[in-house]
Protein backbone atom coordinates (compact mmCIF):
# COMPACT_ATOMS: atom_id res chain seq x y z
CA MET A 1 -48.85 88.17 -19.21
CA LYS A 2 -52.15 87.24 -20.09
CA TRP A 3 -55.28 88.58 -19.17
CA PHE A 4 -58.75 86.97 -18.03
CA PRO A 5 -62.15 88.21 -17.22
CA ASN A 6 -63.86 86.77 -13.89
CA SER A 7 -65.38 83.38 -14.99
CA VAL A 8 -67.21 80.65 -12.98
CA GLU A 9 -63.89 78.84 -12.53
CA LYS A 10 -61.89 81.77 -11.52
CA SER A 11 -64.74 83.66 -9.07
CA ASP A 12 -63.12 82.30 -5.88
CA TYR A 13 -60.30 84.87 -6.83
CA SER A 14 -62.63 87.69 -7.16
CA SER A 15 -63.82 90.23 -4.53
CA PRO A 16 -67.58 90.72 -3.73
CA ASN A 17 -67.07 94.50 -4.78
CA GLY A 18 -65.29 93.76 -7.84
CA ASP A 19 -62.03 95.17 -6.13
CA THR A 20 -59.59 92.77 -7.98
CA ILE A 21 -61.52 92.45 -11.32
CA ALA A 22 -59.54 89.55 -12.55
CA ALA A 23 -57.55 86.73 -11.66
CA VAL A 24 -54.20 86.46 -13.33
CA SER A 25 -51.64 83.53 -14.40
CA LEU A 26 -48.28 84.17 -15.66
CA ASN A 27 -46.79 82.03 -18.19
CA ASN A 28 -48.96 79.11 -17.19
CA THR A 29 -46.68 78.33 -14.62
CA LYS A 30 -47.60 75.62 -12.36
CA TYR A 31 -48.36 78.22 -9.67
CA GLY A 32 -51.74 78.67 -11.63
CA TRP A 33 -54.31 81.69 -11.11
CA LYS A 34 -53.69 84.03 -8.36
CA PRO A 35 -55.83 86.95 -7.48
CA LEU A 36 -54.81 90.28 -9.14
CA THR A 37 -53.88 91.93 -5.79
CA ASP A 38 -51.02 89.58 -5.25
CA TYR A 39 -49.54 91.11 -8.08
CA ARG A 40 -50.17 95.06 -7.57
CA SER A 41 -47.11 95.89 -5.83
CA LYS A 42 -44.53 93.83 -7.56
CA TYR A 43 -45.86 94.71 -10.89
CA LYS A 44 -46.75 98.33 -9.93
CA LEU A 45 -50.42 98.05 -11.18
CA ASN A 46 -52.70 101.09 -10.60
CA LYS A 47 -54.84 100.80 -7.57
CA ILE A 48 -58.57 100.55 -7.75
CA LYS A 49 -60.29 103.88 -6.85
CA LYS A 50 -63.14 104.28 -4.70
CA THR A 51 -65.44 106.77 -3.66
CA PRO A 52 -65.29 108.17 0.02
CA ASN A 53 -67.56 106.81 2.76
CA ILE A 54 -69.71 109.38 4.14
CA GLU A 55 -72.32 109.06 6.52
CA ILE A 56 -74.06 111.69 8.83
CA VAL A 57 -74.42 109.86 12.53
CA ALA A 58 -75.73 112.62 14.26
CA PRO A 59 -78.47 114.33 14.35
CA GLN A 60 -80.75 111.90 12.89
CA ASP A 61 -83.23 113.09 9.78
CA LYS A 62 -85.85 115.01 10.71
CA HIS A 63 -84.69 116.60 13.96
CA SER A 64 -86.25 118.99 15.62
CA THR A 65 -84.53 121.97 17.68
CA GLU A 66 -84.85 125.25 19.11
CA LYS A 67 -81.57 126.17 19.28
CA ALA A 68 -79.60 128.51 16.83
CA SER A 69 -76.86 126.06 15.95
CA ILE A 70 -76.39 122.31 16.39
CA LYS A 71 -73.53 120.08 16.89
CA PHE A 72 -73.00 117.89 13.52
CA PHE A 73 -71.30 114.43 13.54
CA ALA A 74 -70.09 113.14 10.43
CA LYS A 75 -68.23 109.64 9.66
CA ILE A 76 -65.90 110.33 6.48
CA ASP A 77 -63.33 107.61 5.22
CA GLY A 78 -61.59 108.41 2.19
CA VAL A 79 -61.26 104.29 1.80
CA THR A 80 -58.89 104.41 -1.13
CA SER A 81 -57.02 107.77 -0.37
CA PRO A 82 -56.97 110.52 1.99
CA ILE A 83 -59.86 113.31 2.23
CA LYS A 84 -58.60 116.36 0.88
CA GLU A 85 -61.78 118.50 1.23
CA VAL A 86 -65.28 118.61 3.09
CA LYS A 87 -67.99 120.90 2.21
CA ILE A 88 -71.07 121.68 3.95
CA TYR A 89 -74.38 123.17 2.66
CA VAL A 90 -77.38 124.42 4.34
CA ASN A 91 -80.52 125.02 2.08
CA ASP A 92 -77.85 124.66 -0.68
CA LYS A 93 -75.77 127.63 0.58
CA GLN A 94 -72.12 126.51 1.32
CA ASN A 95 -70.66 127.77 4.77
CA ASN A 96 -67.01 128.48 4.49
CA ASN A 97 -66.43 129.04 8.06
CA LEU A 98 -67.41 125.51 9.46
CA LYS A 99 -64.24 123.60 10.45
CA ALA A 100 -64.10 120.17 11.91
CA THR A 101 -62.35 119.79 15.55
CA ASN A 102 -59.12 117.94 15.68
CA ARG A 103 -60.08 115.70 18.88
CA ILE A 104 -60.87 112.20 18.63
CA LEU A 105 -64.20 111.62 19.18
CA ASP A 106 -64.46 108.08 19.42
CA PRO A 107 -61.38 106.12 20.06
CA PHE A 108 -62.67 103.07 18.29
CA ASP A 109 -63.37 105.12 15.00
CA LYS A 110 -61.34 108.09 14.21
CA ASN A 111 -63.10 109.01 11.30
CA ILE A 112 -66.08 110.64 13.03
CA GLN A 113 -65.30 114.55 12.68
CA GLU A 114 -67.70 117.14 14.81
CA PHE A 115 -69.21 120.23 13.39
CA TYR A 116 -71.18 123.29 14.33
CA ILE A 117 -73.57 124.34 11.99
CA PRO A 118 -75.98 127.57 12.25
CA LEU A 119 -79.53 127.00 11.69
CA HIS A 120 -82.08 129.06 9.79
CA HIS A 121 -85.70 129.07 11.06
CA LYS A 122 -87.79 126.18 10.02
CA LYS A 123 -86.47 123.96 7.48
CA ASN A 124 -82.88 123.28 6.93
CA ILE A 125 -81.58 120.79 4.28
CA ILE A 126 -77.76 119.98 5.32
CA ARG A 127 -75.66 118.19 2.89
CA VAL A 128 -72.11 117.48 3.63
CA SER A 129 -70.08 116.41 0.78
CA ALA A 130 -66.22 114.87 0.84
CA THR A 131 -63.76 114.74 -1.85
CA ASN A 132 -60.59 112.46 -1.52
CA GLU A 133 -56.99 112.66 -3.20
CA ASP A 134 -58.25 110.47 -6.44
CA ASN A 135 -61.00 113.47 -7.10
CA LEU A 136 -63.73 111.19 -6.02
CA THR A 137 -66.69 112.88 -4.02
CA SER A 138 -69.50 111.56 -2.07
CA PHE A 139 -72.41 113.20 0.09
CA ASP A 140 -75.02 112.62 2.74
CA THR A 141 -78.12 114.75 3.32
CA ILE A 142 -80.45 115.34 6.26
CA THR A 143 -83.26 117.39 7.49
CA VAL A 144 -83.37 119.51 10.69
CA TYR A 145 -86.33 121.74 11.64
CA ARG A 146 -85.53 124.47 13.76
CA GLU A 147 -88.72 125.38 16.17
CA MET A 148 -89.49 128.87 16.64
CA LEU A 149 -88.66 129.83 20.63
CA ASN A 150 -91.64 131.31 22.56
CA LEU A 151 -89.73 134.48 23.37
CA PRO A 152 -91.22 137.78 24.35
CA LYS A 153 -91.37 140.31 21.62
CA PRO A 154 -88.86 143.34 21.73
CA GLU A 155 -91.07 146.44 23.40
CA GLY A 156 -89.88 149.79 24.51
CA ILE A 157 -86.36 150.92 25.19
CA LEU A 158 -84.13 150.00 27.82
CA TYR A 159 -82.35 153.37 29.45
CA LEU A 160 -79.65 152.18 31.30
CA ILE A 161 -77.03 154.14 33.73
CA THR A 162 -74.05 152.27 34.82
CA VAL A 163 -71.33 153.67 37.35
CA GLY A 164 -68.22 152.47 38.67
CA VAL A 165 -65.98 154.22 40.97
CA ASN A 166 -62.50 152.86 41.27
CA LYS A 167 -60.54 155.92 42.52
CA LEU A 168 -61.62 158.18 45.44
CA GLU A 169 -59.87 161.08 44.86
CA HIS A 170 -60.35 162.60 48.39
CA LEU A 171 -60.53 159.54 50.53
CA LYS A 172 -57.30 158.00 50.37
CA GLY A 173 -56.82 154.20 51.19
CA ASN A 174 -60.44 153.01 49.83
CA ASP A 175 -59.66 152.90 46.44
CA LEU A 176 -61.12 149.59 44.74
CA ASP A 177 -59.75 147.54 41.34
CA TYR A 178 -62.71 146.67 39.35
CA ALA A 179 -65.59 148.81 39.93
CA ALA A 180 -65.14 150.60 36.65
CA ASN A 181 -64.76 147.01 34.96
CA ASP A 182 -68.43 146.02 36.39
CA ALA A 183 -69.84 148.97 35.32
CA ILE A 184 -68.41 148.78 31.64
CA ASP A 185 -69.28 144.91 31.64
CA PHE A 186 -72.79 145.17 32.69
CA ALA A 187 -73.56 147.76 29.93
CA ARG A 188 -71.94 145.37 27.39
CA LEU A 189 -74.27 142.64 28.43
CA MET A 190 -77.36 144.92 28.27
CA LYS A 191 -76.53 146.21 24.91
CA ALA A 192 -77.18 142.76 23.47
CA MET A 193 -80.67 143.11 24.38
CA LYS A 194 -81.57 145.37 21.33
CA GLY A 195 -83.57 144.04 18.99
CA LYS A 196 -84.05 140.69 21.67
CA LEU A 197 -85.97 142.14 24.68
CA TYR A 198 -85.82 145.77 23.94
CA ARG A 199 -86.57 147.99 20.38
CA ASP A 200 -83.62 150.07 21.38
CA VAL A 201 -80.76 149.73 24.55
CA LYS A 202 -79.41 153.45 25.33
CA VAL A 203 -76.69 153.19 27.83
CA PHE A 204 -74.85 155.82 29.53
CA THR A 205 -71.48 155.00 31.66
CA TYR A 206 -69.60 156.76 34.13
CA SER A 207 -66.39 155.27 35.38
CA ASP A 208 -62.80 156.10 35.93
CA GLN A 209 -62.45 154.91 32.22
CA SER A 210 -65.18 157.26 30.74
CA LYS A 211 -64.92 160.49 29.18
CA GLU A 212 -67.21 161.94 31.94
CA MET A 213 -66.19 160.81 35.21
CA PRO A 214 -68.42 159.44 37.80
CA THR A 215 -68.82 162.42 40.17
CA SER A 216 -72.11 163.04 42.01
CA ASN A 217 -73.10 166.24 39.96
CA ILE A 218 -72.49 164.23 36.43
CA ILE A 219 -74.49 161.19 37.64
CA VAL A 220 -77.64 163.59 39.44
CA ASN A 221 -77.66 165.43 36.12
CA ALA A 222 -77.66 162.10 33.98
CA LEU A 223 -80.73 160.67 36.28
CA TYR A 224 -82.65 163.58 35.36
CA LYS A 225 -81.24 164.49 31.49
CA TYR A 226 -81.93 160.70 30.35
CA LEU A 227 -84.48 158.82 32.29
CA LYS A 228 -87.10 161.76 31.77
CA HIS A 229 -87.51 160.32 28.33
CA ALA A 230 -88.73 156.70 29.23
CA LYS A 231 -92.54 155.89 28.74
CA LYS A 232 -94.95 153.26 30.10
CA GLU A 233 -93.83 150.63 28.25
CA ASP A 234 -89.86 151.24 28.50
CA THR A 235 -87.74 149.98 31.02
CA VAL A 236 -85.09 152.16 33.38
CA MET A 237 -82.02 150.41 34.90
CA ILE A 238 -79.25 151.90 37.29
CA PHE A 239 -76.12 149.77 37.94
CA LEU A 240 -74.02 150.92 40.87
CA ALA A 241 -70.48 149.27 41.41
CA GLY A 242 -68.33 150.97 44.20
CA HIS A 243 -68.63 151.97 47.95
CA GLY A 244 -72.01 152.16 49.78
CA LYS A 245 -71.75 153.44 52.97
CA SER A 246 -74.88 154.14 55.76
CA ILE A 247 -75.37 157.45 57.33
CA SER A 248 -77.51 158.40 60.57
CA ASP A 249 -81.36 157.55 60.30
CA ASN A 250 -81.03 154.32 58.23
CA GLN A 251 -79.97 155.98 54.93
CA TYR A 252 -77.90 155.24 51.92
CA ILE A 253 -75.03 156.81 50.03
CA PHE A 254 -72.97 155.74 47.27
CA LEU A 255 -69.65 157.31 47.23
CA THR A 256 -69.05 159.13 43.69
CA GLN A 257 -65.53 159.91 42.59
CA ASP A 258 -65.44 163.42 44.37
CA ALA A 259 -66.90 162.22 47.81
CA ARG A 260 -65.69 164.29 50.69
CA GLN A 261 -65.34 164.12 54.34
CA TYR A 262 -65.50 166.68 57.08
CA ASP A 263 -63.22 166.44 59.88
CA THR A 264 -65.78 164.79 61.76
CA ASN A 265 -65.75 161.88 59.26
CA ASP A 266 -69.44 163.01 58.34
CA TYR A 267 -69.90 163.11 54.61
CA MET A 268 -70.44 165.88 52.70
CA MET A 269 -73.93 165.39 50.97
CA SER A 270 -73.45 167.60 48.06
CA THR A 271 -70.38 165.27 47.06
CA VAL A 272 -72.15 161.66 47.24
CA LEU A 273 -74.87 160.36 45.51
CA LYS A 274 -77.86 160.02 48.11
CA TRP A 275 -80.84 157.24 48.02
CA SER A 276 -82.94 160.22 47.98
CA ASP A 277 -81.38 161.30 44.34
CA ILE A 278 -82.27 158.24 42.60
CA ASN A 279 -85.74 157.89 44.62
CA ASP A 280 -86.73 161.59 43.37
CA ALA A 281 -85.56 160.88 39.75
CA LEU A 282 -87.42 157.51 39.36
CA LYS A 283 -90.72 158.36 41.39
CA ASN A 284 -92.44 160.43 38.98
CA LEU A 285 -92.14 157.40 36.05
CA SER A 286 -94.51 155.29 35.00
CA CYS A 287 -92.13 152.70 33.31
CA ARG A 288 -90.58 149.35 34.96
CA LYS A 289 -87.74 150.47 37.10
CA VAL A 290 -84.73 148.06 38.44
CA MET A 291 -81.54 148.86 40.70
CA ILE A 292 -78.61 146.78 40.59
CA LEU A 293 -76.31 147.32 43.13
CA ASP A 294 -72.66 145.84 43.64
CA THR A 295 -71.72 147.80 46.63
CA CYS A 296 -71.28 147.16 50.53
CA TYR A 297 -73.25 148.15 53.23
CA THR A 298 -70.24 148.55 56.07
CA GLY A 299 -72.48 150.55 58.34
CA GLY A 300 -74.74 147.83 59.77
CA ILE A 301 -77.56 149.34 57.88
CA ASP A 302 -80.80 147.34 57.50
CA ILE A 303 -80.94 147.63 53.55
CA ARG A 304 -84.33 145.76 53.40
CA GLU A 305 -85.77 148.26 55.61
CA LEU A 306 -84.69 150.93 53.60
CA LEU A 307 -85.43 149.63 50.22
CA THR A 308 -88.89 148.54 51.37
CA LYS A 309 -89.67 152.29 51.65
CA SER A 310 -89.32 152.07 47.59
CA PHE A 311 -92.09 149.67 46.98
CA ASN A 312 -94.59 152.58 46.33
CA ASN A 313 -92.25 153.64 43.70
CA ASN A 314 -92.41 150.15 42.23
CA ILE A 315 -88.63 149.54 42.11
CA ILE A 316 -86.96 145.88 41.52
CA ILE A 317 -83.88 146.10 43.42
CA PHE A 318 -81.45 143.39 43.39
CA THR A 319 -78.54 143.97 45.74
CA SER A 320 -74.85 142.35 46.00
CA THR A 321 -74.73 142.31 50.31
CA ARG A 322 -77.01 142.17 53.10
CA LYS A 323 -77.16 143.80 56.60
CA GLY A 324 -73.25 144.49 57.60
CA GLN A 325 -71.89 142.64 54.63
CA LYS A 326 -68.82 143.94 52.16
CA ALA A 327 -68.70 143.32 48.51
CA ALA A 328 -65.69 141.52 47.76
CA GLU A 329 -63.60 141.60 44.35
CA CYS A 330 -62.30 138.64 42.81
CA LYS A 331 -58.99 139.44 41.35
CA GLN A 332 -58.91 136.19 39.30
CA PHE A 333 -62.01 137.52 36.98
CA GLN A 334 -61.28 141.16 37.21
CA ASN A 335 -64.78 142.17 38.70
CA GLY A 336 -66.67 142.15 42.04
CA CYS A 337 -67.69 138.79 42.74
CA PHE A 338 -71.38 139.74 42.38
CA THR A 339 -70.77 141.17 38.93
CA HIS A 340 -68.55 138.37 37.89
CA ALA A 341 -71.76 135.81 38.94
CA ILE A 342 -74.02 137.70 36.84
CA LYS A 343 -71.58 137.66 33.88
CA LYS A 344 -71.32 134.09 34.20
CA GLY A 345 -74.93 133.33 34.76
CA LEU A 346 -75.70 135.51 31.33
CA GLY A 347 -72.56 133.73 29.44
CA LYS A 348 -72.13 131.06 26.84
CA ASP A 349 -73.94 128.62 28.67
CA LEU A 350 -76.76 130.85 30.25
CA SER A 351 -76.43 129.17 33.47
CA ALA A 352 -78.67 131.36 35.45
CA ASP A 353 -81.44 129.98 32.95
CA LEU A 354 -82.93 127.37 35.69
CA ASN A 355 -85.74 126.05 33.79
CA LYS A 356 -83.79 126.18 30.54
CA ASP A 357 -86.43 128.49 28.41
CA LYS A 358 -83.64 130.83 26.99
CA ILE A 359 -84.61 133.54 29.27
CA VAL A 360 -83.50 134.46 32.60
CA LYS A 361 -85.98 136.18 35.14
CA ILE A 362 -84.50 138.30 38.02
CA THR A 363 -85.45 135.49 40.38
CA GLU A 364 -83.62 133.13 38.58
CA MET A 365 -80.79 135.54 38.48
CA GLU A 366 -81.15 135.99 42.32
CA VAL A 367 -80.76 131.97 42.90
CA HIS A 368 -77.85 131.66 40.75
CA VAL A 369 -75.71 134.59 42.05
CA SER A 370 -76.25 133.03 45.46
CA SER A 371 -74.79 129.88 44.60
CA GLU A 372 -71.90 131.67 42.73
CA LEU A 373 -71.31 133.82 45.79
CA ALA A 374 -70.95 130.83 48.07
CA LYS A 375 -68.32 129.26 46.26
CA LEU A 376 -66.67 132.52 45.89
CA THR A 377 -67.04 134.07 49.58
CA SER A 378 -68.41 133.05 52.57
CA THR A 379 -69.20 136.05 54.03
CA GLN A 380 -71.44 137.78 51.07
CA GLN A 381 -75.15 137.05 50.20
CA PRO A 382 -77.23 138.72 47.72
CA ASP A 383 -80.59 140.46 48.53
CA ILE A 384 -83.79 140.98 46.03
CA ILE A 385 -86.79 143.36 46.86
CA LEU A 386 -89.72 142.80 44.56
CA PRO A 387 -93.12 144.88 44.13
CA ALA A 388 -95.94 143.39 43.13
CA GLY A 389 -95.43 141.50 39.74
CA GLY A 390 -91.67 142.09 40.24
CA SER A 391 -90.75 138.38 40.34
CA GLY A 392 -91.95 137.93 36.61
CA PHE A 393 -89.18 140.51 35.55
CA ILE A 394 -87.14 139.12 32.41
CA LEU A 395 -83.54 140.26 32.82
CA TYR A 396 -82.19 138.83 29.78
CA VAL A 397 -82.96 136.74 26.95
CA GLN A 398 -79.92 134.44 25.05
CA PRO A 399 -78.83 136.16 22.10
CA GLU A 400 -78.49 134.01 19.09
CA ASN A 401 -75.20 132.47 18.30
């Protein structure tokens, strides 16, 4: 067999990229010259090795974003052999945790893969390389700029007391299923605000699952013991999940685990958490004060009239119900419906952030919760009481991924 280089006469048999390199004629037969590719499989000629094709298809070079991470799409084709390794570098540092999704992103081009890439502040030089089984490598590079969000600086300390009462030891038939979960879950959400919204977050949770049980004495003592340390730049927040009741003179009480009744069905005031207990603990504090209540008002109490009395105390109050309504629990979510709506609003998608500025104000949360409760229950509506300036209160800032 004779080998000949490409020539003018035989150029018709050479590929534009030099893939076939040469044409070949065997023993000067009458069949003449044929492309080398015609003989590869028959004569087991070595395949032509080529580097992979790789192209970053999104985002575009010099893309700008405020997000802490972005979706990254790359078109990767091994060309002559399968891809065996993909590496991604951000500012020359390899991230070994990045993996492509398995789903097909484009039915017409199955070579496009999706990645999630964490970003640094300011400039990010992103380089993706692909190596095929022939140990040939190609890469592509873009630059992405992460803009600084106009977020509030962490200031002050958050003092948070959360209470969730499932079991009422002395009031049979009134137990709840998920109030304890509500208290624990809300505490977990607010802990994430350390370093984001507050310099520090101090949480004290009392529930059926805690070391200290949610009895009246323990909760009242906690109100005075911990909240007294709050300074002007700090925030105190009280979250209650359980049974709320009305008594004479349009007064509100929260049923703690040790709540008792006389034979007349009147409540023993020493065994419940009274509105006056909370009000007295907060009235001398000069800091911001917030109450969030996932409780029901079954006795026809005018909660707005009661809460309006706290305006002089400058307390922001967000409740799960209005006059005469009961607070429902959602078995499928293992939470009270109100607390579930809050959790959903502060979840991965931050759906309570209505204007998409990565900040959830208390007024945005009220709108979001109203919408969610309308889907979950037709008998429950939240209520909110805002003292002067209260509408600007920031409840949550999106944590970085």
